[in-house]
Amino acid sequence: MSKTITVRQKRSQIGSMPKTRATMRALGLRKIGDTNTLPDRPEIRGMIARVPHLIDIVVNDGKGS
């Protein structure tokens, strides 16, 4: 199994720049409380680095429980 990252939106996108909103959509987050599990890849890490003030992050190592 590979590593995954779980992201959860914790703050609203209202008032954010359009590029920030597009990044949140690309991460699969639309409203507060939404969560999405994504593969741990450099592209995803770059998107997360752009919006850390709006999301919570959990890295799953892929080893199971």
N, C-alpha and C. Protein backbone atom coordinates (compact mmCIF):
# COMPACT_ATOMS: atom_id res chain seq x y z
N MET A 1 0.84 -1.19 0.00
CA MET A 1 0.00 0.00 0.00
C MET A 1 0.88 1.25 0.00
N SER A 2 0.38 2.30 -0.61
CA SER A 2 1.15 3.53 -0.66
C SER A 2 0.62 4.53 0.37
N LYS A 3 1.41 5.55 0.61
CA LYS A 3 1.00 6.57 1.56
C LYS A 3 -0.14 7.40 0.99
N THR A 4 -0.99 7.86 1.88
CA THR A 4 -2.07 8.76 1.49
C THR A 4 -2.11 9.94 2.44
N ILE A 5 -2.77 10.98 2.00
CA ILE A 5 -2.96 12.19 2.81
C ILE A 5 -4.46 12.44 2.88
N THR A 6 -4.96 12.64 4.08
CA THR A 6 -6.36 13.01 4.26
C THR A 6 -6.41 14.49 4.58
N VAL A 7 -7.17 15.24 3.78
CA VAL A 7 -7.31 16.68 4.00
C VAL A 7 -8.76 16.98 4.37
N ARG A 8 -8.93 17.94 5.27
CA ARG A 8 -10.27 18.37 5.70
C ARG A 8 -10.32 19.87 5.68
N GLN A 9 -11.35 20.42 5.06
CA GLN A 9 -11.49 21.88 5.02
C GLN A 9 -11.98 22.37 6.36
N LYS A 10 -11.25 23.34 6.94
CA LYS A 10 -11.62 23.86 8.25
C LYS A 10 -12.08 25.31 8.21
N ARG A 11 -11.79 26.02 7.13
CA ARG A 11 -12.20 27.42 7.01
C ARG A 11 -12.84 27.66 5.65
N SER A 12 -13.61 28.73 5.57
CA SER A 12 -14.33 29.06 4.35
C SER A 12 -13.40 29.64 3.28
N GLN A 13 -13.79 29.44 2.02
CA GLN A 13 -13.04 29.99 0.90
C GLN A 13 -13.51 31.39 0.53
N ILE A 14 -14.54 31.88 1.20
CA ILE A 14 -15.08 33.19 0.89
C ILE A 14 -14.00 34.24 1.12
N GLY A 15 -13.81 35.11 0.15
CA GLY A 15 -12.80 36.15 0.24
C GLY A 15 -11.43 35.72 -0.24
N SER A 16 -11.29 34.47 -0.63
CA SER A 16 -10.02 33.97 -1.13
C SER A 16 -9.83 34.35 -2.60
N MET A 17 -8.58 34.34 -3.02
CA MET A 17 -8.26 34.61 -4.42
C MET A 17 -8.77 33.45 -5.29
N PRO A 18 -9.08 33.72 -6.55
CA PRO A 18 -9.58 32.66 -7.44
C PRO A 18 -8.63 31.48 -7.56
N LYS A 19 -7.33 31.71 -7.55
CA LYS A 19 -6.37 30.61 -7.64
C LYS A 19 -6.45 29.71 -6.41
N THR A 20 -6.69 30.32 -5.25
CA THR A 20 -6.83 29.55 -4.02
C THR A 20 -8.08 28.69 -4.08
N ARG A 21 -9.17 29.25 -4.57
CA ARG A 21 -10.42 28.49 -4.71
C ARG A 21 -10.25 27.33 -5.68
N ALA A 22 -9.53 27.57 -6.77
CA ALA A 22 -9.29 26.51 -7.75
C ALA A 22 -8.46 25.38 -7.14
N THR A 23 -7.51 25.74 -6.30
CA THR A 23 -6.68 24.73 -5.63
C THR A 23 -7.53 23.89 -4.70
N MET A 24 -8.43 24.53 -3.96
CA MET A 24 -9.32 23.79 -3.06
C MET A 24 -10.22 22.83 -3.85
N ARG A 25 -10.72 23.27 -5.00
CA ARG A 25 -11.54 22.40 -5.84
C ARG A 25 -10.73 21.22 -6.34
N ALA A 26 -9.47 21.48 -6.71
CA ALA A 26 -8.59 20.42 -7.21
C ALA A 26 -8.30 19.39 -6.11
N LEU A 27 -8.29 19.84 -4.86
CA LEU A 27 -8.12 18.93 -3.73
C LEU A 27 -9.41 18.18 -3.40
N GLY A 28 -10.52 18.57 -4.04
CA GLY A 28 -11.79 17.89 -3.82
C GLY A 28 -12.56 18.43 -2.64
N LEU A 29 -12.29 19.68 -2.25
CA LEU A 29 -12.94 20.30 -1.10
C LEU A 29 -13.84 21.43 -1.57
N ARG A 30 -15.10 21.40 -1.12
CA ARG A 30 -16.06 22.41 -1.56
C ARG A 30 -16.61 23.24 -0.42
N LYS A 31 -16.79 22.62 0.76
CA LYS A 31 -17.37 23.36 1.88
C LYS A 31 -16.73 22.91 3.18
N ILE A 32 -16.93 23.67 4.23
CA ILE A 32 -16.33 23.37 5.53
C ILE A 32 -16.78 21.99 5.99
N GLY A 33 -15.81 21.20 6.45
CA GLY A 33 -16.09 19.87 6.94
C GLY A 33 -15.86 18.78 5.91
N ASP A 34 -15.73 19.14 4.63
CA ASP A 34 -15.45 18.14 3.59
C ASP A 34 -14.09 17.51 3.82
N THR A 35 -13.98 16.21 3.57
CA THR A 35 -12.70 15.52 3.66
C THR A 35 -12.45 14.77 2.35
N ASN A 36 -11.17 14.56 2.05
CA ASN A 36 -10.79 13.81 0.87
C ASN A 36 -9.47 13.12 1.15
N THR A 37 -9.33 11.90 0.67
CA THR A 37 -8.09 11.15 0.80
C THR A 37 -7.40 11.13 -0.55
N LEU A 38 -6.15 11.58 -0.56
CA LEU A 38 -5.39 11.73 -1.79
C LEU A 38 -4.06 10.99 -1.68
N PRO A 39 -3.46 10.60 -2.81
CA PRO A 39 -2.14 9.95 -2.76
C PRO A 39 -1.08 10.96 -2.34
N ASP A 40 -0.07 10.49 -1.64
CA ASP A 40 1.02 11.36 -1.17
C ASP A 40 2.03 11.53 -2.30
N ARG A 41 1.80 12.55 -3.13
CA ARG A 41 2.68 12.84 -4.26
C ARG A 41 3.12 14.30 -4.20
N PRO A 42 4.20 14.65 -4.87
CA PRO A 42 4.69 16.04 -4.84
C PRO A 42 3.65 17.05 -5.35
N GLU A 43 2.85 16.67 -6.33
CA GLU A 43 1.84 17.60 -6.85
C GLU A 43 0.81 17.94 -5.78
N ILE A 44 0.38 16.93 -5.04
CA ILE A 44 -0.60 17.12 -3.97
C ILE A 44 0.02 17.94 -2.84
N ARG A 45 1.27 17.63 -2.49
CA ARG A 45 1.97 18.39 -1.44
C ARG A 45 2.07 19.87 -1.81
N GLY A 46 2.29 20.16 -3.10
CA GLY A 46 2.37 21.55 -3.55
C GLY A 46 1.04 22.27 -3.40
N MET A 47 -0.05 21.57 -3.72
CA MET A 47 -1.38 22.18 -3.56
C MET A 47 -1.67 22.44 -2.09
N ILE A 48 -1.29 21.49 -1.23
CA ILE A 48 -1.51 21.65 0.20
C ILE A 48 -0.70 22.82 0.74
N ALA A 49 0.52 23.00 0.24
CA ALA A 49 1.37 24.09 0.69
C ALA A 49 0.79 25.46 0.33
N ARG A 50 -0.06 25.48 -0.68
CA ARG A 50 -0.67 26.74 -1.11
C ARG A 50 -1.84 27.17 -0.22
N VAL A 51 -2.50 26.21 0.45
CA VAL A 51 -3.71 26.54 1.23
C VAL A 51 -3.67 25.97 2.66
N PRO A 52 -2.53 26.04 3.37
CA PRO A 52 -2.49 25.41 4.70
C PRO A 52 -3.39 26.10 5.73
N HIS A 53 -3.74 27.36 5.48
CA HIS A 53 -4.57 28.11 6.42
C HIS A 53 -6.05 27.71 6.33
N LEU A 54 -6.42 26.96 5.29
CA LEU A 54 -7.81 26.57 5.11
C LEU A 54 -8.09 25.11 5.41
N ILE A 55 -7.04 24.30 5.60
CA ILE A 55 -7.23 22.86 5.74
C ILE A 55 -6.48 22.27 6.92
N ASP A 56 -6.92 21.08 7.34
CA ASP A 56 -6.20 20.23 8.29
C ASP A 56 -5.68 19.03 7.50
N ILE A 57 -4.50 18.54 7.88
CA ILE A 57 -3.85 17.47 7.14
C ILE A 57 -3.53 16.31 8.06
N VAL A 58 -3.78 15.06 7.57
CA VAL A 58 -3.38 13.85 8.27
C VAL A 58 -2.67 12.97 7.25
N VAL A 59 -1.42 12.56 7.55
CA VAL A 59 -0.67 11.68 6.64
C VAL A 59 -0.83 10.24 7.14
N ASN A 60 -1.30 9.37 6.25
CA ASN A 60 -1.48 7.95 6.55
C ASN A 60 -0.33 7.19 5.91
N ASP A 61 0.35 6.34 6.69
CA ASP A 61 1.55 5.66 6.20
C ASP A 61 1.26 4.46 5.31
N GLY A 62 0.03 4.00 5.22
CA GLY A 62 -0.30 2.91 4.34
C GLY A 62 -0.03 1.52 4.94
N LYS A 63 0.35 1.46 6.21
CA LYS A 63 0.65 0.17 6.85
C LYS A 63 -0.58 -0.45 7.51
N GLY A 64 -1.68 0.22 7.48
CA GLY A 64 -2.87 -0.30 8.13
C GLY A 64 -2.94 0.12 9.59
N SER A 65 -3.70 -0.62 10.40
CA SER A 65 -3.90 -0.25 11.79
C SER A 65 -2.70 -0.48 12.64
